[in-house]
PDB file of all heavy atoms in Angstrom:
ATOM      1  N   VAL A   1     -32.347 -75.301 -71.263  1.00  0.00           N
ATOM      2  CA  VAL A   1     -32.080 -74.388 -70.096  1.00  0.00           C
ATOM      3  C   VAL A   1     -30.749 -74.592 -69.591  1.00  0.00           C
ATOM      4  O   VAL A   1     -29.923 -73.655 -69.354  1.00  0.00           O
ATOM      5  CB  VAL A   1     -33.081 -74.469 -68.993  1.00  0.00           C
ATOM      6  CG1 VAL A   1     -32.736 -73.669 -67.770  1.00  0.00           C
ATOM      7  CG2 VAL A   1     -34.446 -74.059 -69.539  1.00  0.00           C
ATOM      8  N   SER A   2     -30.359 -75.859 -69.405  1.00  0.00           N
ATOM      9  CA  SER A   2     -29.057 -76.176 -68.817  1.00  0.00           C
ATOM     10  C   SER A   2     -27.929 -75.692 -69.855  1.00  0.00           C
ATOM     11  O   SER A   2     -26.845 -75.259 -69.302  1.00  0.00           O
ATOM     12  CB  SER A   2     -28.855 -77.696 -68.717  1.00  0.00           C
ATOM     13  OG  SER A   2     -29.061 -78.439 -69.821  1.00  0.00           O
ATOM     14  N   HIS A   3     -28.154 -75.789 -71.053  1.00  0.00           N
ATOM     15  CA  HIS A   3     -27.151 -75.225 -72.165  1.00  0.00           C
ATOM     16  C   HIS A   3     -26.988 -73.790 -71.906  1.00  0.00           C
ATOM     17  O   HIS A   3     -25.929 -73.246 -72.017  1.00  0.00           O
ATOM     18  CB  HIS A   3     -27.599 -75.654 -73.544  1.00  0.00           C
ATOM     19  CG  HIS A   3     -26.778 -75.364 -74.586  1.00  0.00           C
ATOM     20  ND1 HIS A   3     -25.307 -75.436 -74.384  1.00  0.00           N
ATOM     21  CD2 HIS A   3     -26.918 -75.075 -75.889  1.00  0.00           C
ATOM     22  CE1 HIS A   3     -24.681 -75.068 -75.614  1.00  0.00           C
ATOM     23  NE2 HIS A   3     -25.663 -74.870 -76.501  1.00  0.00           N
ATOM     24  N   ALA A   4     -28.056 -73.074 -71.735  1.00  0.00           N
ATOM     25  CA  ALA A   4     -28.027 -71.552 -71.612  1.00  0.00           C
ATOM     26  C   ALA A   4     -27.297 -71.281 -70.334  1.00  0.00           C
ATOM     27  O   ALA A   4     -26.417 -70.355 -70.361  1.00  0.00           O
ATOM     28  CB  ALA A   4     -29.420 -71.024 -71.519  1.00  0.00           C
ATOM     29  N   LEU A   5     -27.587 -71.978 -69.192  1.00  0.00           N
ATOM     30  CA  LEU A   5     -26.909 -71.596 -67.964  1.00  0.00           C
ATOM     31  C   LEU A   5     -25.439 -71.931 -68.054  1.00  0.00           C
ATOM     32  O   LEU A   5     -24.617 -71.200 -67.482  1.00  0.00           O
ATOM     33  CB  LEU A   5     -27.614 -72.359 -66.805  1.00  0.00           C
ATOM     34  CG  LEU A   5     -28.924 -71.951 -66.464  1.00  0.00           C
ATOM     35  CD1 LEU A   5     -29.511 -72.838 -65.337  1.00  0.00           C
ATOM     36  CD2 LEU A   5     -28.991 -70.527 -65.989  1.00  0.00           C
ATOM     37  N   ALA A   6     -25.115 -72.989 -68.728  1.00  0.00           N
ATOM     38  CA  ALA A   6     -23.666 -73.309 -68.901  1.00  0.00           C
ATOM     39  C   ALA A   6     -22.931 -72.209 -69.668  1.00  0.00           C
ATOM     40  O   ALA A   6     -21.776 -71.845 -69.303  1.00  0.00           O
ATOM     41  CB  ALA A   6     -23.498 -74.681 -69.605  1.00  0.00           C
ATOM     42  N   ALA A   7     -23.587 -71.731 -70.758  1.00  0.00           N
ATOM     43  CA  ALA A   7     -22.956 -70.691 -71.504  1.00  0.00           C
ATOM     44  C   ALA A   7     -22.699 -69.383 -70.687  1.00  0.00           C
ATOM     45  O   ALA A   7     -21.728 -68.729 -70.809  1.00  0.00           O
ATOM     46  CB  ALA A   7     -23.785 -70.454 -72.789  1.00  0.00           C
ATOM     47  N   LEU A   8     -23.785 -69.096 -69.901  1.00  0.00           N
ATOM     48  CA  LEU A   8     -23.664 -67.860 -69.043  1.00  0.00           C
ATOM     49  C   LEU A   8     -22.541 -68.029 -67.930  1.00  0.00           C
ATOM     50  O   LEU A   8     -21.813 -67.107 -67.686  1.00  0.00           O
ATOM     51  CB  LEU A   8     -24.959 -67.550 -68.336  1.00  0.00           C
ATOM     52  CG  LEU A   8     -26.135 -67.152 -69.226  1.00  0.00           C
ATOM     53  CD1 LEU A   8     -27.430 -66.958 -68.551  1.00  0.00           C
ATOM     54  CD2 LEU A   8     -25.852 -65.922 -70.097  1.00  0.00           C
ATOM     55  N   ASP A   9     -22.521 -69.293 -67.399  1.00  0.00           N
ATOM     56  CA  ASP A   9     -21.475 -69.533 -66.416  1.00  0.00           C
ATOM     57  C   ASP A   9     -20.105 -69.366 -66.979  1.00  0.00           C
ATOM     58  O   ASP A   9     -19.175 -68.818 -66.343  1.00  0.00           O
ATOM     59  CB  ASP A   9     -21.642 -70.897 -65.807  1.00  0.00           C
ATOM     60  CG  ASP A   9     -20.709 -71.267 -64.702  1.00  0.00           C
ATOM     61  OD1 ASP A   9     -20.695 -70.419 -63.648  1.00  0.00           O
ATOM     62  OD2 ASP A   9     -19.916 -72.131 -64.878  1.00  0.00           O
ATOM     63  N   GLN A  10     -19.951 -69.949 -68.202  1.00  0.00           N
ATOM     64  CA  GLN A  10     -18.610 -69.830 -68.783  1.00  0.00           C
ATOM     65  C   GLN A  10     -18.240 -68.385 -69.176  1.00  0.00           C
ATOM     66  O   GLN A  10     -17.006 -68.039 -69.180  1.00  0.00           O
ATOM     67  CB  GLN A  10     -18.598 -70.610 -70.133  1.00  0.00           C
ATOM     68  CG  GLN A  10     -17.322 -70.701 -70.810  1.00  0.00           C
ATOM     69  CD  GLN A  10     -17.340 -71.644 -72.150  1.00  0.00           C
ATOM     70  OE1 GLN A  10     -18.388 -72.150 -72.368  1.00  0.00           O
ATOM     71  NE2 GLN A  10     -16.187 -71.774 -72.760  1.00  0.00           N
ATOM     72  N   ALA A  11     -19.305 -67.475 -69.320  1.00  0.00           N
ATOM     73  CA  ALA A  11     -18.993 -66.117 -69.651  1.00  0.00           C
ATOM     74  C   ALA A  11     -18.804 -65.340 -68.297  1.00  0.00           C
ATOM     75  O   ALA A  11     -18.655 -64.096 -68.365  1.00  0.00           O
ATOM     76  CB  ALA A  11     -20.142 -65.512 -70.476  1.00  0.00           C
ATOM     77  N   GLY A  12     -18.891 -66.009 -67.191  1.00  0.00           N
ATOM     78  CA  GLY A  12     -18.835 -65.334 -65.923  1.00  0.00           C
ATOM     79  C   GLY A  12     -20.028 -64.512 -65.478  1.00  0.00           C
ATOM     80  O   GLY A  12     -19.886 -63.630 -64.614  1.00  0.00           O
ATOM     81  N   LEU A  13     -21.216 -65.003 -66.012  1.00  0.00           N
ATOM     82  CA  LEU A  13     -22.526 -64.277 -65.647  1.00  0.00           C
ATOM     83  C   LEU A  13     -23.295 -65.187 -64.814  1.00  0.00           C
ATOM     84  O   LEU A  13     -23.500 -66.407 -65.033  1.00  0.00           O
ATOM     85  CB  LEU A  13     -23.229 -63.912 -66.905  1.00  0.00           C
ATOM     86  CG  LEU A  13     -22.567 -62.955 -67.830  1.00  0.00           C
ATOM     87  CD1 LEU A  13     -23.264 -62.842 -69.187  1.00  0.00           C
ATOM     88  CD2 LEU A  13     -22.513 -61.573 -67.259  1.00  0.00           C
ATOM     89  N   GLU A  14     -23.787 -64.665 -63.616  1.00  0.00           N
ATOM     90  CA  GLU A  14     -24.559 -65.322 -62.665  1.00  0.00           C
ATOM     91  C   GLU A  14     -26.029 -64.879 -62.726  1.00  0.00           C
ATOM     92  O   GLU A  14     -26.263 -63.699 -62.452  1.00  0.00           O
ATOM     93  CB  GLU A  14     -23.961 -65.342 -61.346  1.00  0.00           C
ATOM     94  CG  GLU A  14     -24.728 -66.217 -60.319  1.00  0.00           C
ATOM     95  CD  GLU A  14     -24.055 -66.191 -58.981  1.00  0.00           C
ATOM     96  OE1 GLU A  14     -22.987 -65.700 -58.866  1.00  0.00           O
ATOM     97  OE2 GLU A  14     -24.637 -66.696 -57.958  1.00  0.00           O
ATOM     98  N   ALA A  15     -26.962 -65.773 -62.899  1.00  0.00           N
ATOM     99  CA  ALA A  15     -28.366 -65.308 -62.921  1.00  0.00           C
ATOM    100  C   ALA A  15     -28.868 -65.128 -61.551  1.00  0.00           C
ATOM    101  O   ALA A  15     -28.512 -65.890 -60.630  1.00  0.00           O
ATOM    102  CB  ALA A  15     -29.193 -66.444 -63.691  1.00  0.00           C
ATOM    103  N   VAL A  16     -29.689 -64.027 -61.423  1.00  0.00           N
ATOM    104  CA  VAL A  16     -30.335 -63.884 -60.115  1.00  0.00           C
ATOM    105  C   VAL A  16     -31.591 -64.718 -59.961  1.00  0.00           C
ATOM    106  O   VAL A  16     -31.768 -65.401 -58.969  1.00  0.00           O
ATOM    107  CB  VAL A  16     -30.696 -62.258 -59.906  1.00  0.00           C
ATOM    108  CG1 VAL A  16     -31.511 -62.076 -58.652  1.00  0.00           C
ATOM    109  CG2 VAL A  16     -29.432 -61.478 -59.966  1.00  0.00           C
ATOM    110  N   THR A  17     -32.459 -64.719 -61.045  1.00  0.00           N
ATOM    111  CA  THR A  17     -33.564 -65.618 -61.120  1.00  0.00           C
ATOM    112  C   THR A  17     -33.673 -66.162 -62.479  1.00  0.00           C
ATOM    113  O   THR A  17     -33.171 -65.579 -63.511  1.00  0.00           O
ATOM    114  CB  THR A  17     -34.882 -64.911 -60.632  1.00  0.00           C
ATOM    115  OG1 THR A  17     -35.123 -63.757 -61.548  1.00  0.00           O
ATOM    116  CG2 THR A  17     -34.822 -64.333 -59.254  1.00  0.00           C
ATOM    117  N   LEU A  18     -34.390 -67.246 -62.574  1.00  0.00           N
ATOM    118  CA  LEU A  18     -34.693 -67.772 -63.854  1.00  0.00           C
ATOM    119  C   LEU A  18     -36.156 -68.436 -63.925  1.00  0.00           C
ATOM    120  O   LEU A  18     -36.581 -68.993 -62.895  1.00  0.00           O
ATOM    121  CB  LEU A  18     -33.737 -68.936 -64.163  1.00  0.00           C
ATOM    122  CG  LEU A  18     -33.765 -69.841 -65.466  1.00  0.00           C
ATOM    123  CD1 LEU A  18     -32.446 -70.220 -65.918  1.00  0.00           C
ATOM    124  CD2 LEU A  18     -34.705 -71.071 -65.224  1.00  0.00           C
ATOM    125  N   SER A  19     -36.797 -68.181 -65.018  1.00  0.00           N
ATOM    126  CA  SER A  19     -38.109 -68.822 -65.022  1.00  0.00           C
ATOM    127  C   SER A  19     -38.496 -69.184 -66.508  1.00  0.00           C
ATOM    128  O   SER A  19     -37.919 -68.710 -67.482  1.00  0.00           O
ATOM    129  CB  SER A  19     -39.198 -67.668 -64.626  1.00  0.00           C
ATOM    130  OG  SER A  19     -39.213 -66.595 -65.419  1.00  0.00           O
ATOM    131  N   LEU A  20     -39.341 -70.162 -66.609  1.00  0.00           N
ATOM    132  CA  LEU A  20     -39.827 -70.642 -67.844  1.00  0.00           C
ATOM    133  C   LEU A  20     -41.357 -70.436 -68.057  1.00  0.00           C
ATOM    134  O   LEU A  20     -42.012 -70.532 -67.048  1.00  0.00           O
ATOM    135  CB  LEU A  20     -39.661 -72.267 -68.044  1.00  0.00           C
ATOM    136  CG  LEU A  20     -38.218 -72.640 -68.158  1.00  0.00           C
ATOM    137  CD1 LEU A  20     -38.109 -74.137 -68.070  1.00  0.00           C
ATOM    138  CD2 LEU A  20     -37.464 -72.070 -69.475  1.00  0.00           C
ATOM    139  N   ARG A  21     -41.802 -69.928 -69.225  1.00  0.00           N
ATOM    140  CA  ARG A  21     -43.252 -69.744 -69.316  1.00  0.00           C
ATOM    141  C   ARG A  21     -43.548 -69.930 -70.810  1.00  0.00           C
ATOM    142  O   ARG A  21     -42.690 -69.950 -71.731  1.00  0.00           O
ATOM    143  CB  ARG A  21     -43.570 -68.290 -68.977  1.00  0.00           C
ATOM    144  CG  ARG A  21     -42.857 -67.280 -69.806  1.00  0.00           C
ATOM    145  CD  ARG A  21     -43.367 -65.883 -69.419  1.00  0.00           C
ATOM    146  NE  ARG A  21     -42.635 -64.799 -70.164  1.00  0.00           N
ATOM    147  CZ  ARG A  21     -42.893 -64.439 -71.351  1.00  0.00           C
ATOM    148  NH1 ARG A  21     -43.863 -65.021 -72.091  1.00  0.00           N
ATOM    149  NH2 ARG A  21     -42.207 -63.442 -72.078  1.00  0.00           N
ATOM    150  N   GLU A  22     -44.862 -70.128 -71.033  1.00  0.00           N
ATOM    151  CA  GLU A  22     -45.264 -70.303 -72.423  1.00  0.00           C
ATOM    152  C   GLU A  22     -45.328 -68.866 -73.077  1.00  0.00           C
ATOM    153  O   GLU A  22     -45.580 -67.847 -72.384  1.00  0.00           O
ATOM    154  CB  GLU A  22     -46.697 -70.830 -72.438  1.00  0.00           C
ATOM    155  CG  GLU A  22     -46.787 -72.322 -71.933  1.00  0.00           C
ATOM    156  CD  GLU A  22     -45.959 -73.188 -72.853  1.00  0.00           C
ATOM    157  OE1 GLU A  22     -46.144 -73.192 -74.094  1.00  0.00           O
ATOM    158  OE2 GLU A  22     -45.057 -73.763 -72.218  1.00  0.00           O
ATOM    159  N   PRO A  23     -45.153 -68.763 -74.386  1.00  0.00           N
ATOM    160  CA  PRO A  23     -45.113 -67.511 -75.034  1.00  0.00           C
ATOM    161  C   PRO A  23     -46.451 -66.801 -74.997  1.00  0.00           C
ATOM    162  O   PRO A  23     -47.475 -67.462 -75.035  1.00  0.00           O
ATOM    163  CB  PRO A  23     -44.693 -67.708 -76.460  1.00  0.00           C
ATOM    164  CG  PRO A  23     -45.074 -69.213 -76.711  1.00  0.00           C
ATOM    165  CD  PRO A  23     -44.867 -69.844 -75.361  1.00  0.00           C
ATOM    166  N   SER A  24     -46.514 -65.480 -74.913  1.00  0.00           N
ATOM    167  CA  SER A  24     -47.783 -64.731 -74.789  1.00  0.00           C
ATOM    168  C   SER A  24     -48.012 -64.035 -76.125  1.00  0.00           C
ATOM    169  O   SER A  24     -47.051 -63.920 -76.912  1.00  0.00           O
ATOM    170  CB  SER A  24     -47.726 -63.721 -73.687  1.00  0.00           C
ATOM    171  OG  SER A  24     -46.750 -62.675 -73.945  1.00  0.00           O
TER     172      SER A  24
END
């Protein structure tokens, strides 16, 4: 998750919400 957030931050994208769940 931290890797994903770092990549988004580097691209200038800010997440409004973030959640983790098991696949359905």
